[in-house]
Amino acid sequence: MTRSPAQKSACKDLKRNGQSPAITLKATYTPTSNRAGSRSLYERGLFS
């Protein structure tokens, strides 16, 4: 997978706000809420 500049900047913003980069992945791959996003990501095996 390739990372776009937008994703990198989003990661920096989240780190500034004291949140983990994992939230960036959830927001990037799922347009839903963080809770639903984390569930679908685990189901897809991206975090296995």
N, C-alpha and C. Protein backbone atom coordinates (compact mmCIF):
# COMPACT_ATOMS: atom_id res chain seq x y z
N MET A 1 0.85 -1.21 0.00
CA MET A 1 0.00 0.00 0.00
C MET A 1 0.88 1.26 0.00
N THR A 2 0.47 2.23 -0.76
CA THR A 2 1.23 3.48 -0.80
C THR A 2 0.54 4.52 0.06
N ARG A 3 1.35 5.45 0.58
CA ARG A 3 0.77 6.49 1.44
C ARG A 3 0.76 7.81 0.69
N SER A 4 -0.36 8.47 0.72
CA SER A 4 -0.45 9.78 0.07
C SER A 4 0.00 10.86 1.05
N PRO A 5 0.44 12.00 0.54
CA PRO A 5 0.83 13.12 1.42
C PRO A 5 -0.28 13.51 2.38
N ALA A 6 -1.52 13.36 1.94
CA ALA A 6 -2.65 13.71 2.80
C ALA A 6 -2.68 12.81 4.03
N GLN A 7 -2.40 11.52 3.82
CA GLN A 7 -2.40 10.60 4.96
C GLN A 7 -1.28 10.95 5.93
N LYS A 8 -0.10 11.30 5.40
CA LYS A 8 1.02 11.64 6.27
C LYS A 8 0.69 12.88 7.10
N SER A 9 0.13 13.88 6.47
CA SER A 9 -0.20 15.10 7.21
C SER A 9 -1.27 14.82 8.25
N ALA A 10 -2.22 13.94 7.91
CA ALA A 10 -3.26 13.59 8.87
C ALA A 10 -2.65 12.90 10.08
N CYS A 11 -1.65 12.07 9.82
CA CYS A 11 -0.98 11.37 10.91
C CYS A 11 -0.30 12.38 11.83
N LYS A 12 0.35 13.37 11.25
CA LYS A 12 1.01 14.40 12.05
C LYS A 12 -0.01 15.15 12.90
N ASP A 13 -1.15 15.48 12.29
CA ASP A 13 -2.19 16.21 13.02
C ASP A 13 -2.66 15.39 14.22
N LEU A 14 -2.87 14.08 14.01
CA LEU A 14 -3.36 13.24 15.09
C LEU A 14 -2.31 13.14 16.19
N LYS A 15 -1.03 13.04 15.81
CA LYS A 15 0.02 12.96 16.83
C LYS A 15 0.06 14.25 17.64
N ARG A 16 -0.14 15.39 16.97
CA ARG A 16 -0.17 16.66 17.69
C ARG A 16 -1.32 16.68 18.68
N ASN A 17 -2.42 16.02 18.33
CA ASN A 17 -3.58 16.01 19.21
C ASN A 17 -3.47 14.91 20.26
N GLY A 18 -2.37 14.17 20.26
CA GLY A 18 -2.16 13.15 21.27
C GLY A 18 -2.87 11.85 20.98
N GLN A 19 -3.21 11.59 19.71
CA GLN A 19 -3.88 10.34 19.37
C GLN A 19 -2.92 9.42 18.62
N SER A 20 -3.21 8.13 18.63
CA SER A 20 -2.31 7.17 18.01
C SER A 20 -2.50 7.14 16.49
N PRO A 21 -1.45 6.80 15.74
CA PRO A 21 -1.54 6.70 14.28
C PRO A 21 -2.59 5.69 13.83
N ALA A 22 -2.94 4.75 14.69
CA ALA A 22 -3.94 3.74 14.34
C ALA A 22 -5.26 4.41 13.98
N ILE A 23 -5.58 5.50 14.65
CA ILE A 23 -6.81 6.23 14.35
C ILE A 23 -6.78 6.75 12.92
N THR A 24 -5.58 7.12 12.45
CA THR A 24 -5.44 7.61 11.08
C THR A 24 -5.83 6.51 10.11
N LEU A 25 -5.37 5.29 10.38
CA LEU A 25 -5.69 4.18 9.50
C LEU A 25 -7.19 3.92 9.49
N LYS A 26 -7.80 3.96 10.66
CA LYS A 26 -9.25 3.73 10.73
C LYS A 26 -10.00 4.78 9.92
N ALA A 27 -9.59 6.03 10.07
CA ALA A 27 -10.27 7.11 9.37
C ALA A 27 -10.03 7.02 7.87
N THR A 28 -8.85 6.53 7.49
CA THR A 28 -8.50 6.46 6.07
C THR A 28 -9.28 5.35 5.37
N TYR A 29 -9.35 4.18 6.00
CA TYR A 29 -9.94 3.03 5.33
C TYR A 29 -11.43 2.89 5.57
N THR A 30 -11.96 3.58 6.57
CA THR A 30 -13.39 3.47 6.84
C THR A 30 -13.98 4.85 7.11
N PRO A 31 -14.97 5.25 6.33
CA PRO A 31 -15.61 6.55 6.50
C PRO A 31 -16.58 6.57 7.68
N THR A 32 -16.65 5.48 8.43
CA THR A 32 -17.58 5.39 9.54
C THR A 32 -16.92 5.89 10.82
N SER A 33 -17.56 5.69 11.94
CA SER A 33 -17.01 6.13 13.21
C SER A 33 -15.80 5.29 13.58
N ASN A 34 -15.00 5.76 14.53
CA ASN A 34 -13.80 5.03 14.93
C ASN A 34 -14.13 3.63 15.45
N ARG A 35 -15.23 3.53 16.19
CA ARG A 35 -15.57 2.23 16.77
C ARG A 35 -15.90 1.23 15.67
N ALA A 36 -16.75 1.63 14.74
CA ALA A 36 -17.11 0.74 13.63
C ALA A 36 -15.89 0.51 12.73
N GLY A 37 -15.06 1.54 12.59
CA GLY A 37 -13.87 1.42 11.75
C GLY A 37 -12.91 0.39 12.29
N SER A 38 -12.66 0.42 13.60
CA SER A 38 -11.71 -0.52 14.18
C SER A 38 -12.23 -1.95 14.02
N ARG A 39 -13.55 -2.12 14.16
CA ARG A 39 -14.13 -3.45 14.05
C ARG A 39 -13.92 -4.00 12.63
N SER A 40 -14.21 -3.20 11.61
CA SER A 40 -14.07 -3.67 10.24
C SER A 40 -12.61 -3.91 9.89
N LEU A 41 -11.71 -3.10 10.45
CA LEU A 41 -10.28 -3.29 10.17
C LEU A 41 -9.81 -4.61 10.77
N TYR A 42 -10.24 -4.93 11.97
CA TYR A 42 -9.84 -6.19 12.57
C TYR A 42 -10.40 -7.35 11.75
N GLU A 43 -11.63 -7.20 11.26
CA GLU A 43 -12.24 -8.26 10.46
C GLU A 43 -11.47 -8.45 9.15
N ARG A 44 -10.94 -7.36 8.60
CA ARG A 44 -10.17 -7.46 7.36
C ARG A 44 -8.77 -8.03 7.59
N GLY A 45 -8.34 -8.05 8.85
CA GLY A 45 -7.04 -8.64 9.16
C GLY A 45 -5.88 -7.69 9.00
N LEU A 46 -6.14 -6.39 8.86
CA LEU A 46 -5.04 -5.44 8.68
C LEU A 46 -4.20 -5.33 9.95
N PHE A 47 -4.79 -5.69 11.09
CA PHE A 47 -4.06 -5.56 12.35
C PHE A 47 -3.62 -6.91 12.90
N SER A 48 -3.76 -7.96 12.12
CA SER A 48 -3.40 -9.30 12.61
C SER A 48 -1.90 -9.52 12.56
